[in-house]
Amino acid sequence: MPEMPMEARSGTRVPCDLRVLVMVHPAIFGPGVLLNVSISGALLQTPLVLNPLTEIELEVEGPGMARSSISTSSLPSELRML
């Protein structure tokens, strides 16, 4: 896989297409897709409106893997990075 160019604050981005469940506690849920990831963040596409610094949880479950989740917070929507 070709390596993506290094970004000053984000590290190397690795393209992906990973379906996730986006959870904003206590009771907001919606679909999402991780479009790329790096050691310091990820680019998430979701129809949910996420205010800056909203605490969210991403959950993924796929064929041959156990359900996994990670907690994070969103950055301003124009950056669309987590």
C-alpha atoms as a PDB file:
ATOM      1  CA  MET A   1       0.000   0.000   0.000  1.00  0.00           C
ATOM      2  CA  PRO A   2       1.505   3.388  -0.933  1.00  0.00           C
ATOM      3  CA  GLU A   3       2.224   5.663   1.976  1.00  0.00           C
ATOM      4  CA  MET A   4       0.274   8.920   2.272  1.00  0.00           C
ATOM      5  CA  PRO A   5       2.252  12.177   2.599  1.00  0.00           C
ATOM      6  CA  MET A   6       3.143  13.242   6.141  1.00  0.00           C
ATOM      7  CA  GLU A   7       0.957  15.987   7.602  1.00  0.00           C
ATOM      8  CA  ALA A   8       2.614  18.323  10.107  1.00  0.00           C
ATOM      9  CA  ARG A   9       0.203  17.654  12.969  1.00  0.00           C
ATOM     10  CA  SER A  10      -1.471  14.376  12.066  1.00  0.00           C
ATOM     11  CA  GLY A  11       1.144  11.862  11.003  1.00  0.00           C
ATOM     12  CA  THR A  12       0.717   9.517   8.063  1.00  0.00           C
ATOM     13  CA  ARG A  13      -2.884   9.000   6.972  1.00  0.00           C
ATOM     14  CA  VAL A  14      -3.957   5.490   6.012  1.00  0.00           C
ATOM     15  CA  PRO A  15      -7.073   5.274   3.808  1.00  0.00           C
ATOM     16  CA  CYS A  16      -9.828   2.958   5.013  1.00  0.00           C
ATOM     17  CA  ASP A  17     -13.547   2.359   4.615  1.00  0.00           C
ATOM     18  CA  LEU A  18     -14.690   1.203   8.039  1.00  0.00           C
ATOM     19  CA  ARG A  19     -18.361   1.364   9.042  1.00  0.00           C
ATOM     20  CA  VAL A  20     -18.877   2.485  12.646  1.00  0.00           C
ATOM     21  CA  LEU A  21     -21.684   3.301  15.038  1.00  0.00           C
ATOM     22  CA  VAL A  22     -21.284   6.839  16.394  1.00  0.00           C
ATOM     23  CA  MET A  23     -22.629   7.308  19.928  1.00  0.00           C
ATOM     24  CA  VAL A  24     -23.113  10.614  21.735  1.00  0.00           C
ATOM     25  CA  HIS A  25     -24.153   9.833  25.284  1.00  0.00           C
ATOM     26  CA  PRO A  26     -26.652   9.564  26.731  1.00  0.00           C
ATOM     27  CA  ALA A  27     -28.915   8.631  23.820  1.00  0.00           C
ATOM     28  CA  ILE A  28     -27.865   9.770  20.329  1.00  0.00           C
ATOM     29  CA  PHE A  29     -26.747   7.093  17.859  1.00  0.00           C
ATOM     30  CA  GLY A  30     -26.005   7.195  14.164  1.00  0.00           C
ATOM     31  CA  PRO A  31     -23.976   5.650  11.377  1.00  0.00           C
ATOM     32  CA  GLY A  32     -20.508   6.725  10.376  1.00  0.00           C
ATOM     33  CA  VAL A  33     -17.627   5.793   8.113  1.00  0.00           C
ATOM     34  CA  LEU A  34     -13.952   6.187   8.974  1.00  0.00           C
ATOM     35  CA  LEU A  35     -12.363   7.386   5.732  1.00  0.00           C
ATOM     36  CA  ASN A  36      -8.758   7.496   6.959  1.00  0.00           C
ATOM     37  CA  VAL A  37      -6.836   7.068  10.196  1.00  0.00           C
ATOM     38  CA  SER A  38      -3.477   8.009  11.668  1.00  0.00           C
ATOM     39  CA  ILE A  39      -1.718   7.701  14.994  1.00  0.00           C
ATOM     40  CA  SER A  40      -3.241  11.022  16.066  1.00  0.00           C
ATOM     41  CA  GLY A  41      -6.729  11.051  14.594  1.00  0.00           C
ATOM     42  CA  ALA A  42      -9.245   9.958  12.011  1.00  0.00           C
ATOM     43  CA  LEU A  43     -11.509  11.416   9.365  1.00  0.00           C
ATOM     44  CA  LEU A  44     -15.123  10.499  10.121  1.00  0.00           C
ATOM     45  CA  GLN A  45     -18.075  10.937   7.785  1.00  0.00           C
ATOM     46  CA  THR A  46     -21.453  10.979   9.572  1.00  0.00           C
ATOM     47  CA  PRO A  47     -24.867  12.606   9.132  1.00  0.00           C
ATOM     48  CA  LEU A  48     -24.856  13.495  12.859  1.00  0.00           C
ATOM     49  CA  VAL A  49     -24.195  17.106  13.827  1.00  0.00           C
ATOM     50  CA  LEU A  50     -21.213  17.041  16.183  1.00  0.00           C
ATOM     51  CA  ASN A  51     -20.374  20.238  18.041  1.00  0.00           C
ATOM     52  CA  PRO A  52     -16.670  20.911  18.620  1.00  0.00           C
ATOM     53  CA  LEU A  53     -15.213  18.919  21.523  1.00  0.00           C
ATOM     54  CA  THR A  54     -18.278  16.682  21.800  1.00  0.00           C
ATOM     55  CA  GLU A  55     -17.344  13.449  23.577  1.00  0.00           C
ATOM     56  CA  ILE A  56     -18.229  10.558  21.274  1.00  0.00           C
ATOM     57  CA  GLU A  57     -17.738   6.810  21.173  1.00  0.00           C
ATOM     58  CA  LEU A  58     -17.117   4.884  17.962  1.00  0.00           C
ATOM     59  CA  GLU A  59     -18.064   1.210  17.875  1.00  0.00           C
ATOM     60  CA  VAL A  60     -17.116  -1.243  15.165  1.00  0.00           C
ATOM     61  CA  GLU A  61     -17.950  -4.896  14.652  1.00  0.00           C
ATOM     62  CA  GLY A  62     -17.022  -6.791  11.536  1.00  0.00           C
ATOM     63  CA  PRO A  63     -16.772 -10.314  10.200  1.00  0.00           C
ATOM     64  CA  GLY A  64     -14.244 -12.299  12.187  1.00  0.00           C
ATOM     65  CA  MET A  65     -13.706  -9.627  14.840  1.00  0.00           C
ATOM     66  CA  ALA A  66     -15.137  -8.874  18.241  1.00  0.00           C
ATOM     67  CA  ARG A  67     -17.022  -5.646  18.890  1.00  0.00           C
ATOM     68  CA  SER A  68     -14.584  -2.841  19.750  1.00  0.00           C
ATOM     69  CA  SER A  69     -15.053   0.766  20.752  1.00  0.00           C
ATOM     70  CA  ILE A  70     -12.989   3.897  21.338  1.00  0.00           C
ATOM     71  CA  SER A  71     -13.898   7.154  23.036  1.00  0.00           C
ATOM     72  CA  THR A  72     -12.743  10.463  21.586  1.00  0.00           C
ATOM     73  CA  SER A  73     -13.869  14.031  21.035  1.00  0.00           C
ATOM     74  CA  SER A  74     -14.703  15.838  17.827  1.00  0.00           C
ATOM     75  CA  LEU A  75     -12.913  18.867  16.414  1.00  0.00           C
ATOM     76  CA  PRO A  76     -14.592  21.703  14.500  1.00  0.00           C
ATOM     77  CA  SER A  77     -16.817  20.350  11.753  1.00  0.00           C
ATOM     78  CA  GLU A  78     -14.910  22.105   8.984  1.00  0.00           C
ATOM     79  CA  LEU A  79     -11.908  19.917   9.864  1.00  0.00           C
ATOM     80  CA  ARG A  80     -14.039  16.747  10.084  1.00  0.00           C
ATOM     81  CA  MET A  81     -11.307  15.072  12.132  1.00  0.00           C
ATOM     82  CA  LEU A  82     -11.569  13.107  15.373  1.00  0.00           C
END
